[in-house]
Amino acid sequence: MSTPQQSIGSGFGARSTAREVLTGIDLTGRLAVVTGGYSGIGLETTRALAEAGARVVVPARRPEAAASALEGIGGVEVEALELSDQEDVRAFAARFLRTGRAIDLLINNAGVMGCPHATAGPGWEYQFATNHLGHFTLVNRLWPALADGGARVVSVSSSGHRASPIRWDDPWFERGYDRWLAYGQSKTANALMAVHLDRLGAPFGVRAFSLHPGAILTPLQRHMTRAEMVDRGWVDEDGNLADPGFKTPEQGAATQVWAATSPRLEGMGGVYCEDCDIAVPAGADPDRAGVSEHAADPAQAERLWAFSAELTGEDALA
């Protein structure tokens, strides 16, 4: 039975922190993998999981920077991983599988946003290649460890998914690049992957979720100028936070930590979350962003899975 997109009354909210949602949860003996878990909300995710007793593997594009950022946090391992490079993803997965360990939690946290036009692989648009296809191959290559652990797989999407469905007629923006539509398409892909992965993985005890973490000032905005952020009302002329709706990084990490660990989600999956609860459909609640139909449609999710498998040559659940 599919899980409906409706609140379950989690008891947490937009201002809850990663530590708060883990209150009373002991992760001793559990293994988590958090891509990009050394910066922004990824760092706070790693910190919270490790403090709750988990062993955390952090695949990082910049391993030295990751090791420095994570210094002093116990139970953390850093591994090299460039998500935009499919062979590098496969190499990381192969190294991990050789350890023989099961994965309990996989949080697909790493990503890029609003970057200038670039390509990866055989001409794939860079944001789609990094945010979606890198994680798609990672999930498929790590499948034996995920199935062994009956893992929860959590993918960080964004309310930015509402900007664009999957552009089936021009996914690589060959007819003109728009960095925000490209970002939106990649975040829709994150949500749709969770929908279909949950359908395929549930018989093996693997459940999948996606989420909007909220608005947070982190290095994710590295491709935006201060003027752009001032125009959007995010910061003032001096670069200070101006939007009271923004979360702290620890608040921003809370929803992915909640989705990965909450006992309330046992037996559920395939849904998009926000503010530490299952999100409602977009437009159903004016106080919440919600999830657009194009990012929650099982038929679109199945089509994207097949498209991604064709592009990458990966489909562990075929």
C-alpha atoms as a PDB file:
ATOM      1  CA  MET A   1       0.000   0.000   0.000  1.00  0.00           C
ATOM      2  CA  SER A   2       1.365   3.428  -0.897  1.00  0.00           C
ATOM      3  CA  THR A   3       1.882   6.077   1.780  1.00  0.00           C
ATOM      4  CA  PRO A   4      -0.351   9.142   1.293  1.00  0.00           C
ATOM      5  CA  GLN A   5       1.054  12.665   1.060  1.00  0.00           C
ATOM      6  CA  GLN A   6      -0.516  13.873   4.283  1.00  0.00           C
ATOM      7  CA  SER A   7       0.748  14.973   7.672  1.00  0.00           C
ATOM      8  CA  ILE A   8       1.190  12.310  10.330  1.00  0.00           C
ATOM      9  CA  GLY A   9       1.434  14.844  13.160  1.00  0.00           C
ATOM     10  CA  SER A  10       5.074  14.124  13.939  1.00  0.00           C
ATOM     11  CA  GLY A  11       5.269  16.528  16.853  1.00  0.00           C
ATOM     12  CA  PHE A  12       8.157  18.370  15.218  1.00  0.00           C
ATOM     13  CA  GLY A  13       8.145  21.402  12.948  1.00  0.00           C
ATOM     14  CA  ALA A  14      10.067  23.960  10.936  1.00  0.00           C
ATOM     15  CA  ARG A  15      12.215  25.074  13.889  1.00  0.00           C
ATOM     16  CA  SER A  16      13.057  21.595  15.177  1.00  0.00           C
ATOM     17  CA  THR A  17      16.740  20.696  15.080  1.00  0.00           C
ATOM     18  CA  ALA A  18      18.524  17.536  14.017  1.00  0.00           C
ATOM     19  CA  ARG A  19      19.420  16.815  17.628  1.00  0.00           C
ATOM     20  CA  GLU A  20      15.823  17.275  18.777  1.00  0.00           C
ATOM     21  CA  VAL A  21      14.354  14.798  16.303  1.00  0.00           C
ATOM     22  CA  LEU A  22      16.863  12.207  17.547  1.00  0.00           C
ATOM     23  CA  THR A  23      15.852  12.563  21.194  1.00  0.00           C
ATOM     24  CA  GLY A  24      15.534   9.073  22.656  1.00  0.00           C
ATOM     25  CA  ILE A  25      16.840   7.362  19.502  1.00  0.00           C
ATOM     26  CA  ASP A  26      19.975   5.242  19.920  1.00  0.00           C
ATOM     27  CA  LEU A  27      21.852   4.612  16.675  1.00  0.00           C
ATOM     28  CA  THR A  28      24.643   2.580  18.216  1.00  0.00           C
ATOM     29  CA  GLY A  29      25.671  -0.161  15.815  1.00  0.00           C
ATOM     30  CA  ARG A  30      23.980   1.517  12.834  1.00  0.00           C
ATOM     31  CA  LEU A  31      25.890   2.588   9.732  1.00  0.00           C
ATOM     32  CA  ALA A  32      24.956   5.743   7.849  1.00  0.00           C
ATOM     33  CA  VAL A  33      26.312   7.049   4.543  1.00  0.00           C
ATOM     34  CA  VAL A  34      25.831  10.805   4.038  1.00  0.00           C
ATOM     35  CA  THR A  35      27.017  12.228   0.710  1.00  0.00           C
ATOM     36  CA  GLY A  36      28.481  15.686   1.158  1.00  0.00           C
ATOM     37  CA  GLY A  37      28.149  15.254   4.899  1.00  0.00           C
ATOM     38  CA  TYR A  38      30.826  17.814   5.698  1.00  0.00           C
ATOM     39  CA  SER A  39      29.275  21.143   4.700  1.00  0.00           C
ATOM     40  CA  GLY A  40      26.070  23.035   5.455  1.00  0.00           C
ATOM     41  CA  ILE A  41      23.174  20.814   6.436  1.00  0.00           C
ATOM     42  CA  GLY A  42      25.253  17.750   5.566  1.00  0.00           C
ATOM     43  CA  LEU A  43      27.734  18.589   8.326  1.00  0.00           C
ATOM     44  CA  GLU A  44      24.921  19.013  10.855  1.00  0.00           C
ATOM     45  CA  THR A  45      23.399  15.726   9.702  1.00  0.00           C
ATOM     46  CA  THR A  46      26.678  13.888  10.219  1.00  0.00           C
ATOM     47  CA  ARG A  47      27.204  15.508  13.604  1.00  0.00           C
ATOM     48  CA  ALA A  48      23.712  14.589  14.856  1.00  0.00           C
ATOM     49  CA  LEU A  49      23.867  10.989  13.638  1.00  0.00           C
ATOM     50  CA  ALA A  50      27.331  10.468  15.124  1.00  0.00           C
ATOM     51  CA  GLU A  51      26.270  11.956  18.465  1.00  0.00           C
ATOM     52  CA  ALA A  52      23.362   9.463  18.507  1.00  0.00           C
ATOM     53  CA  GLY A  53      25.850   6.608  18.147  1.00  0.00           C
ATOM     54  CA  ALA A  54      25.920   5.920  14.405  1.00  0.00           C
ATOM     55  CA  ARG A  55      29.048   5.178  12.415  1.00  0.00           C
ATOM     56  CA  VAL A  56      28.970   7.681   9.534  1.00  0.00           C
ATOM     57  CA  VAL A  57      30.716   7.342   6.179  1.00  0.00           C
ATOM     58  CA  VAL A  58      31.034  10.692   4.392  1.00  0.00           C
ATOM     59  CA  PRO A  59      31.743  10.478   0.644  1.00  0.00           C
ATOM     60  CA  ALA A  60      33.244  13.850  -0.280  1.00  0.00           C
ATOM     61  CA  ARG A  61      34.290  15.664  -3.422  1.00  0.00           C
ATOM     62  CA  ARG A  62      37.002  17.376  -1.341  1.00  0.00           C
ATOM     63  CA  PRO A  63      38.242  14.752   1.130  1.00  0.00           C
ATOM     64  CA  GLU A  64      40.848  16.986   2.767  1.00  0.00           C
ATOM     65  CA  ALA A  65      38.287  19.736   3.380  1.00  0.00           C
ATOM     66  CA  ALA A  66      35.866  17.118   4.695  1.00  0.00           C
ATOM     67  CA  ALA A  67      38.418  15.710   7.124  1.00  0.00           C
ATOM     68  CA  SER A  68      39.112  19.206   8.437  1.00  0.00           C
ATOM     69  CA  ALA A  69      35.413  20.083   8.825  1.00  0.00           C
ATOM     70  CA  LEU A  70      34.669  16.800  10.603  1.00  0.00           C
ATOM     71  CA  GLU A  71      37.646  16.905  12.955  1.00  0.00           C
ATOM     72  CA  GLY A  72      36.578  16.166  16.514  1.00  0.00           C
ATOM     73  CA  ILE A  73      33.413  14.269  15.551  1.00  0.00           C
ATOM     74  CA  GLY A  74      33.853  10.631  16.540  1.00  0.00           C
ATOM     75  CA  GLY A  75      32.832   7.630  14.489  1.00  0.00           C
ATOM     76  CA  VAL A  76      33.213   9.290  11.088  1.00  0.00           C
ATOM     77  CA  GLU A  77      35.033   8.045   7.986  1.00  0.00           C
ATOM     78  CA  VAL A  78      35.783  10.184   4.919  1.00  0.00           C
ATOM     79  CA  GLU A  79      35.927   8.706   1.428  1.00  0.00           C
ATOM     80  CA  ALA A  80      36.560  10.377  -1.934  1.00  0.00           C
ATOM     81  CA  LEU A  81      33.573  10.669  -4.273  1.00  0.00           C
ATOM     82  CA  GLU A  82      32.837  12.932  -7.235  1.00  0.00           C
ATOM     83  CA  LEU A  83      29.133  12.432  -7.965  1.00  0.00           C
ATOM     84  CA  SER A  84      29.292  13.954 -11.443  1.00  0.00           C
ATOM     85  CA  ASP A  85      31.748  11.224 -12.502  1.00  0.00           C
ATOM     86  CA  GLN A  86      30.011   7.880 -12.960  1.00  0.00           C
ATOM     87  CA  GLU A  87      33.241   5.897 -12.812  1.00  0.00           C
ATOM     88  CA  ASP A  88      34.180   7.588  -9.572  1.00  0.00           C
ATOM     89  CA  VAL A  89      30.784   6.649  -8.121  1.00  0.00           C
ATOM     90  CA  ARG A  90      31.330   3.034  -9.132  1.00  0.00           C
ATOM     91  CA  ALA A  91      34.816   3.047  -7.645  1.00  0.00           C
ATOM     92  CA  PHE A  92      33.557   4.363  -4.311  1.00  0.00           C
ATOM     93  CA  ALA A  93      30.763   1.771  -4.214  1.00  0.00           C
ATOM     94  CA  ALA A  94      33.197  -1.034  -5.017  1.00  0.00           C
ATOM     95  CA  ARG A  95      35.510   0.050  -2.190  1.00  0.00           C
ATOM     96  CA  PHE A  96      32.606   0.178   0.227  1.00  0.00           C
ATOM     97  CA  LEU A  97      31.193  -3.218  -0.760  1.00  0.00           C
ATOM     98  CA  ARG A  98      34.581  -4.814  -0.196  1.00  0.00           C
ATOM     99  CA  THR A  99      34.236  -3.926   3.510  1.00  0.00           C
ATOM    100  CA  GLY A 100      31.273  -6.305   3.714  1.00  0.00           C
ATOM    101  CA  ARG A 101      29.228  -3.870   5.796  1.00  0.00           C
ATOM    102  CA  ALA A 102      25.470  -3.353   5.590  1.00  0.00           C
ATOM    103  CA  ILE A 103      24.035   0.163   5.283  1.00  0.00           C
ATOM    104  CA  ASP A 104      21.199   1.192   7.592  1.00  0.00           C
ATOM    105  CA  LEU A 105      20.823   4.792   6.409  1.00  0.00           C
ATOM    106  CA  LEU A 106      21.799   6.397   3.097  1.00  0.00           C
ATOM    107  CA  ILE A 107      21.248  10.144   2.898  1.00  0.00           C
ATOM    108  CA  ASN A 108      21.744  11.547  -0.600  1.00  0.00           C
ATOM    109  CA  ASN A 109      22.558  15.036   0.632  1.00  0.00           C
ATOM    110  CA  ALA A 110      25.255  16.372  -1.712  1.00  0.00           C
ATOM    111  CA  GLY A 111      24.284  18.611  -4.585  1.00  0.00           C
ATOM    112  CA  VAL A 112      24.859  21.728  -6.636  1.00  0.00           C
ATOM    113  CA  MET A 113      22.463  24.621  -7.242  1.00  0.00           C
ATOM    114  CA  GLY A 114      22.066  27.273  -9.897  1.00  0.00           C
ATOM    115  CA  CYS A 115      25.478  26.771 -11.450  1.00  0.00           C
ATOM    116  CA  PRO A 116      26.549  28.068 -14.874  1.00  0.00           C
ATOM    117  CA  HIS A 117      25.997  25.746 -17.803  1.00  0.00           C
ATOM    118  CA  ALA A 118      28.294  22.726 -17.774  1.00  0.00           C
ATOM    119  CA  THR A 119      28.076  19.089 -18.757  1.00  0.00           C
ATOM    120  CA  ALA A 120      29.212  15.773 -17.320  1.00  0.00           C
ATOM    121  CA  GLY A 121      29.596  12.365 -18.894  1.00  0.00           C
ATOM    122  CA  PRO A 122      28.351  12.181 -22.488  1.00  0.00           C
ATOM    123  CA  GLY A 123      26.837  15.670 -22.528  1.00  0.00           C
ATOM    124  CA  TRP A 124      24.510  15.385 -19.522  1.00  0.00           C
ATOM    125  CA  GLU A 125      23.467  18.693 -17.968  1.00  0.00           C
ATOM    126  CA  TYR A 126      25.662  19.074 -14.887  1.00  0.00           C
ATOM    127  CA  GLN A 127      23.017  19.619 -12.191  1.00  0.00           C
ATOM    128  CA  PHE A 128      20.977  16.610 -13.341  1.00  0.00           C
ATOM    129  CA  ALA A 129      24.155  14.536 -13.671  1.00  0.00           C
ATOM    130  CA  THR A 130      25.342  15.415 -10.166  1.00  0.00           C
ATOM    131  CA  ASN A 131      22.159  15.739  -8.126  1.00  0.00           C
ATOM    132  CA  HIS A 132      20.279  12.839  -9.698  1.00  0.00           C
ATOM    133  CA  LEU A 133      22.327  10.506 -11.892  1.00  0.00           C
ATOM    134  CA  GLY A 134      25.268  10.352  -9.472  1.00  0.00           C
ATOM    135  CA  HIS A 135      22.956   9.317  -6.653  1.00  0.00           C
ATOM    136  CA  PHE A 136      21.021   6.959  -8.939  1.00  0.00           C
ATOM    137  CA  THR A 137      24.189   5.024  -9.745  1.00  0.00           C
ATOM    138  CA  LEU A 138      25.297   5.166  -6.116  1.00  0.00           C
ATOM    139  CA  VAL A 139      22.034   3.568  -4.948  1.00  0.00           C
ATOM    140  CA  ASN A 140      22.200   0.867  -7.583  1.00  0.00           C
ATOM    141  CA  ARG A 141      25.845   0.024  -6.949  1.00  0.00           C
ATOM    142  CA  LEU A 142      25.342  -0.009  -3.171  1.00  0.00           C
ATOM    143  CA  TRP A 143      22.176  -2.099  -3.463  1.00  0.00           C
ATOM    144  CA  PRO A 144      23.627  -5.285  -1.860  1.00  0.00           C
ATOM    145  CA  ALA A 145      24.596  -3.321   1.264  1.00  0.00           C
ATOM    146  CA  LEU A 146      21.287  -1.429   1.313  1.00  0.00           C
ATOM    147  CA  ALA A 147      19.244  -4.608   1.021  1.00  0.00           C
ATOM    148  CA  ASP A 148      21.371  -6.311   3.652  1.00  0.00           C
ATOM    149  CA  GLY A 149      20.666  -3.482   6.084  1.00  0.00           C
ATOM    150  CA  GLY A 150      16.998  -2.988   5.219  1.00  0.00           C
ATOM    151  CA  ALA A 151      18.045   0.614   4.726  1.00  0.00           C
ATOM    152  CA  ARG A 152      16.200   3.872   4.570  1.00  0.00           C
ATOM    153  CA  VAL A 153      17.308   5.912   1.567  1.00  0.00           C
ATOM    154  CA  VAL A 154      16.671   9.633   1.930  1.00  0.00           C
ATOM    155  CA  SER A 155      17.165  12.055  -0.968  1.00  0.00           C
ATOM    156  CA  VAL A 156      17.408  15.801  -0.435  1.00  0.00           C
ATOM    157  CA  SER A 157      15.115  17.468  -2.920  1.00  0.00           C
ATOM    158  CA  SER A 158      13.902  21.079  -2.625  1.00  0.00           C
ATOM    159  CA  SER A 159      10.836  23.248  -3.040  1.00  0.00           C
ATOM    160  CA  GLY A 160      12.752  24.263  -6.169  1.00  0.00           C
ATOM    161  CA  HIS A 161      11.321  21.095  -7.739  1.00  0.00           C
ATOM    162  CA  ARG A 162       8.195  23.121  -8.437  1.00  0.00           C
ATOM    163  CA  ALA A 163      10.072  25.130 -11.074  1.00  0.00           C
ATOM    164  CA  SER A 164      10.250  22.250 -13.535  1.00  0.00           C
ATOM    165  CA  PRO A 165       9.035  18.719 -14.202  1.00  0.00           C
ATOM    166  CA  ILE A 166      11.312  16.341 -16.092  1.00  0.00           C
ATOM    167  CA  ARG A 167      11.842  17.951 -19.499  1.00  0.00           C
ATOM    168  CA  TRP A 168      11.435  14.824 -21.571  1.00  0.00           C
ATOM    169  CA  ASP A 169      11.729  16.734 -24.847  1.00  0.00           C
ATOM    170  CA  ASP A 170      14.932  18.579 -23.835  1.00  0.00           C
ATOM    171  CA  PRO A 171      16.472  17.288 -20.580  1.00  0.00           C
ATOM    172  CA  TRP A 172      19.936  18.650 -21.410  1.00  0.00           C
ATOM    173  CA  PHE A 173      18.726  22.199 -22.257  1.00  0.00           C
ATOM    174  CA  GLU A 174      20.040  22.036 -25.781  1.00  0.00           C
ATOM    175  CA  ARG A 175      17.506  24.695 -26.791  1.00  0.00           C
ATOM    176  CA  GLY A 176      18.729  27.207 -24.219  1.00  0.00           C
ATOM    177  CA  TYR A 177      20.000  26.924 -20.669  1.00  0.00           C
ATOM    178  CA  ASP A 178      18.175  28.222 -17.603  1.00  0.00           C
ATOM    179  CA  ARG A 179      20.090  27.392 -14.452  1.00  0.00           C
ATOM    180  CA  TRP A 180      17.017  27.537 -12.192  1.00  0.00           C
ATOM    181  CA  LEU A 181      14.896  25.338 -14.431  1.00  0.00           C
ATOM    182  CA  ALA A 182      17.835  22.920 -14.569  1.00  0.00           C
ATOM    183  CA  TYR A 183      18.049  22.927 -10.784  1.00  0.00           C
ATOM    184  CA  GLY A 184      14.302  22.416 -10.532  1.00  0.00           C
ATOM    185  CA  GLN A 185      14.399  19.464 -12.906  1.00  0.00           C
ATOM    186  CA  SER A 186      17.176  17.822 -10.871  1.00  0.00           C
ATOM    187  CA  LYS A 187      15.200  18.265  -7.637  1.00  0.00           C
ATOM    188  CA  THR A 188      12.090  16.796  -9.244  1.00  0.00           C
ATOM    189  CA  ALA A 189      14.280  13.848 -10.204  1.00  0.00           C
ATOM    190  CA  ASN A 190      15.389  13.430  -6.569  1.00  0.00           C
ATOM    191  CA  ALA A 191      11.750  13.218  -5.471  1.00  0.00           C
ATOM    192  CA  LEU A 192      10.700  10.859  -8.249  1.00  0.00           C
ATOM    193  CA  MET A 193      13.623   8.518  -7.598  1.00  0.00           C
ATOM    194  CA  ALA A 194      12.396   8.093  -4.027  1.00  0.00           C
ATOM    195  CA  VAL A 195       8.908   7.247  -5.271  1.00  0.00           C
ATOM    196  CA  HIS A 196      10.069   4.423  -7.537  1.00  0.00           C
ATOM    197  CA  LEU A 197      12.933   3.194  -5.364  1.00  0.00           C
ATOM    198  CA  ASP A 198      10.435   2.721  -2.543  1.00  0.00           C
ATOM    199  CA  ARG A 199       8.163   0.709  -4.807  1.00  0.00           C
ATOM    200  CA  LEU A 200      11.043  -1.537  -5.885  1.00  0.00           C
ATOM    201  CA  GLY A 201      12.795  -1.697  -2.519  1.00  0.00           C
ATOM    202  CA  ALA A 202       9.895  -2.250  -0.127  1.00  0.00           C
ATOM    203  CA  PRO A 203       9.799  -6.050  -0.674  1.00  0.00           C
ATOM    204  CA  PHE A 204      13.446  -6.111   0.479  1.00  0.00           C
ATOM    205  CA  GLY A 205      12.816  -3.880   3.497  1.00  0.00           C
ATOM    206  CA  VAL A 206      14.371  -0.837   1.807  1.00  0.00           C
ATOM    207  CA  ARG A 207      12.222   2.297   2.071  1.00  0.00           C
ATOM    208  CA  ALA A 208      12.864   5.642   0.391  1.00  0.00           C
ATOM    209  CA  PHE A 209      11.930   9.248   1.107  1.00  0.00           C
ATOM    210  CA  SER A 210      12.666  12.681  -0.333  1.00  0.00           C
ATOM    211  CA  LEU A 211      12.405  16.075   1.303  1.00  0.00           C
ATOM    212  CA  HIS A 212      12.623  19.841   1.214  1.00  0.00           C
ATOM    213  CA  PRO A 213      15.041  20.914   3.978  1.00  0.00           C
ATOM    214  CA  GLY A 214      13.849  24.517   4.016  1.00  0.00           C
ATOM    215  CA  ALA A 215      15.679  27.717   3.091  1.00  0.00           C
ATOM    216  CA  ILE A 216      19.134  27.874   4.677  1.00  0.00           C
ATOM    217  CA  LEU A 217      22.198  29.982   3.901  1.00  0.00           C
ATOM    218  CA  THR A 218      24.961  27.466   3.204  1.00  0.00           C
ATOM    219  CA  PRO A 219      27.758  27.020   0.635  1.00  0.00           C
ATOM    220  CA  LEU A 220      25.037  25.714  -1.718  1.00  0.00           C
ATOM    221  CA  GLN A 221      24.535  29.362  -2.756  1.00  0.00           C
ATOM    222  CA  ARG A 222      28.121  29.637  -3.971  1.00  0.00           C
ATOM    223  CA  HIS A 223      26.991  30.294  -7.556  1.00  0.00           C
ATOM    224  CA  MET A 224      24.796  33.254  -6.556  1.00  0.00           C
ATOM    225  CA  THR A 225      26.003  36.827  -6.211  1.00  0.00           C
ATOM    226  CA  ARG A 226      25.185  38.901  -3.160  1.00  0.00           C
ATOM    227  CA  ALA A 227      23.111  41.175  -5.406  1.00  0.00           C
ATOM    228  CA  GLU A 228      20.962  38.216  -6.442  1.00  0.00           C
ATOM    229  CA  MET A 229      20.374  37.249  -2.829  1.00  0.00           C
ATOM    230  CA  VAL A 230      19.567  40.867  -1.909  1.00  0.00           C
ATOM    231  CA  ASP A 231      17.052  41.028  -4.767  1.00  0.00           C
ATOM    232  CA  ARG A 232      15.360  37.900  -3.411  1.00  0.00           C
ATOM    233  CA  GLY A 233      15.233  39.388   0.078  1.00  0.00           C
ATOM    234  CA  TRP A 234      17.456  36.688   1.537  1.00  0.00           C
ATOM    235  CA  VAL A 235      20.220  38.984   2.807  1.00  0.00           C
ATOM    236  CA  ASP A 236      20.791  42.711   3.297  1.00  0.00           C
ATOM    237  CA  GLU A 237      23.399  44.821   1.511  1.00  0.00           C
ATOM    238  CA  ASP A 238      26.026  43.705   4.029  1.00  0.00           C
ATOM    239  CA  GLY A 239      25.302  40.020   3.466  1.00  0.00           C
ATOM    240  CA  ASN A 240      23.459  39.517   6.745  1.00  0.00           C
ATOM    241  CA  LEU A 241      20.425  37.235   6.817  1.00  0.00           C
ATOM    242  CA  ALA A 242      17.293  39.297   6.163  1.00  0.00           C
ATOM    243  CA  ASP A 243      14.587  36.659   5.668  1.00  0.00           C
ATOM    244  CA  PRO A 244      13.142  35.473   9.005  1.00  0.00           C
ATOM    245  CA  GLY A 245      11.823  32.344   7.294  1.00  0.00           C
ATOM    246  CA  PHE A 246      15.321  30.956   6.819  1.00  0.00           C
ATOM    247  CA  LYS A 247      16.450  28.100   9.034  1.00  0.00           C
ATOM    248  CA  THR A 248      19.761  27.520  10.751  1.00  0.00           C
ATOM    249  CA  PRO A 249      21.840  24.670   9.294  1.00  0.00           C
ATOM    250  CA  GLU A 250      20.894  22.444  12.253  1.00  0.00           C
ATOM    251  CA  GLN A 251      17.205  23.166  11.655  1.00  0.00           C
ATOM    252  CA  GLY A 252      17.747  22.551   7.947  1.00  0.00           C
ATOM    253  CA  ALA A 253      19.265  19.138   8.690  1.00  0.00           C
ATOM    254  CA  ALA A 254      16.341  18.077  10.858  1.00  0.00           C
ATOM    255  CA  THR A 255      13.954  16.827   8.173  1.00  0.00           C
ATOM    256  CA  GLN A 256      16.468  14.488   6.538  1.00  0.00           C
ATOM    257  CA  VAL A 257      17.542  13.147   9.928  1.00  0.00           C
ATOM    258  CA  TRP A 258      13.884  12.669  10.888  1.00  0.00           C
ATOM    259  CA  ALA A 259      13.103  10.879   7.602  1.00  0.00           C
ATOM    260  CA  ALA A 260      16.111   8.609   8.070  1.00  0.00           C
ATOM    261  CA  THR A 261      15.453   7.636  11.682  1.00  0.00           C
ATOM    262  CA  SER A 262      11.913   8.329  12.896  1.00  0.00           C
ATOM    263  CA  PRO A 263      10.075   5.283  14.270  1.00  0.00           C
ATOM    264  CA  ARG A 264       6.870   6.996  13.121  1.00  0.00           C
ATOM    265  CA  LEU A 265       7.819   6.200   9.521  1.00  0.00           C
ATOM    266  CA  GLU A 266       8.153   2.438   9.981  1.00  0.00           C
ATOM    267  CA  GLY A 267       6.300   0.674   7.173  1.00  0.00           C
ATOM    268  CA  MET A 268       5.999   3.889   5.167  1.00  0.00           C
ATOM    269  CA  GLY A 269       7.883   5.252   2.192  1.00  0.00           C
ATOM    270  CA  GLY A 270       7.846   6.850  -1.223  1.00  0.00           C
ATOM    271  CA  VAL A 271       6.783  10.256   0.063  1.00  0.00           C
ATOM    272  CA  TYR A 272       8.164  13.793   0.070  1.00  0.00           C
ATOM    273  CA  CYS A 273       8.674  15.421   3.471  1.00  0.00           C
ATOM    274  CA  GLU A 274       9.156  18.921   4.843  1.00  0.00           C
ATOM    275  CA  ASP A 275       9.405  20.509   8.289  1.00  0.00           C
ATOM    276  CA  CYS A 276       9.879  17.068   9.903  1.00  0.00           C
ATOM    277  CA  ASP A 277       6.603  15.639   8.634  1.00  0.00           C
ATOM    278  CA  ILE A 278       5.160  14.157   5.454  1.00  0.00           C
ATOM    279  CA  ALA A 279       4.331  17.051   3.133  1.00  0.00           C
ATOM    280  CA  VAL A 280       0.907  17.786   1.741  1.00  0.00           C
ATOM    281  CA  PRO A 281       0.304  18.282  -2.006  1.00  0.00           C
ATOM    282  CA  ALA A 282       1.345  21.731  -3.220  1.00  0.00           C
ATOM    283  CA  GLY A 283      -1.428  24.247  -2.736  1.00  0.00           C
ATOM    284  CA  ALA A 284      -3.266  22.213  -0.129  1.00  0.00           C
ATOM    285  CA  ASP A 285      -1.880  24.267   2.770  1.00  0.00           C
ATOM    286  CA  PRO A 286      -0.933  27.944   2.185  1.00  0.00           C
ATOM    287  CA  ASP A 287       1.528  27.795   5.087  1.00  0.00           C
ATOM    288  CA  ARG A 288       3.519  24.893   3.615  1.00  0.00           C
ATOM    289  CA  ALA A 289       5.328  24.506   0.305  1.00  0.00           C
ATOM    290  CA  GLY A 290       4.069  20.993  -0.420  1.00  0.00           C
ATOM    291  CA  VAL A 291       4.962  18.680  -3.267  1.00  0.00           C
ATOM    292  CA  SER A 292       3.912  19.228  -6.870  1.00  0.00           C
ATOM    293  CA  GLU A 293       2.026  16.488  -8.674  1.00  0.00           C
ATOM    294  CA  HIS A 294       4.806  16.146 -11.257  1.00  0.00           C
ATOM    295  CA  ALA A 295       7.260  15.188  -8.465  1.00  0.00           C
ATOM    296  CA  ALA A 296       4.999  12.590  -6.858  1.00  0.00           C
ATOM    297  CA  ASP A 297       3.532  10.837  -9.908  1.00  0.00           C
ATOM    298  CA  PRO A 298       4.331   7.074  -9.889  1.00  0.00           C
ATOM    299  CA  ALA A 299       4.152   6.902 -13.695  1.00  0.00           C
ATOM    300  CA  GLN A 300       6.679   9.729 -14.051  1.00  0.00           C
ATOM    301  CA  ALA A 301       8.835   8.051 -11.407  1.00  0.00           C
ATOM    302  CA  GLU A 302       8.863   4.757 -13.292  1.00  0.00           C
ATOM    303  CA  ARG A 303       9.663   6.539 -16.554  1.00  0.00           C
ATOM    304  CA  LEU A 304      12.549   8.428 -14.922  1.00  0.00           C
ATOM    305  CA  TRP A 305      13.946   5.220 -13.423  1.00  0.00           C
ATOM    306  CA  ALA A 306      13.963   3.554 -16.856  1.00  0.00           C
ATOM    307  CA  PHE A 307      15.524   6.668 -18.452  1.00  0.00           C
ATOM    308  CA  SER A 308      18.220   6.828 -15.764  1.00  0.00           C
ATOM    309  CA  ALA A 309      18.966   3.118 -16.102  1.00  0.00           C
ATOM    310  CA  GLU A 310      19.350   3.532 -19.861  1.00  0.00           C
ATOM    311  CA  LEU A 311      21.707   6.506 -19.425  1.00  0.00           C
ATOM    312  CA  THR A 312      23.916   4.952 -16.735  1.00  0.00           C
ATOM    313  CA  GLY A 313      23.637   1.270 -17.544  1.00  0.00           C
ATOM    314  CA  GLU A 314      22.716   0.649 -13.905  1.00  0.00           C
ATOM    315  CA  ASP A 315      19.598  -1.142 -12.668  1.00  0.00           C
ATOM    316  CA  ALA A 316      20.268  -3.429  -9.722  1.00  0.00           C
ATOM    317  CA  LEU A 317      16.563  -4.086  -9.238  1.00  0.00           C
ATOM    318  CA  ALA A 318      15.701  -5.018 -12.821  1.00  0.00           C
END
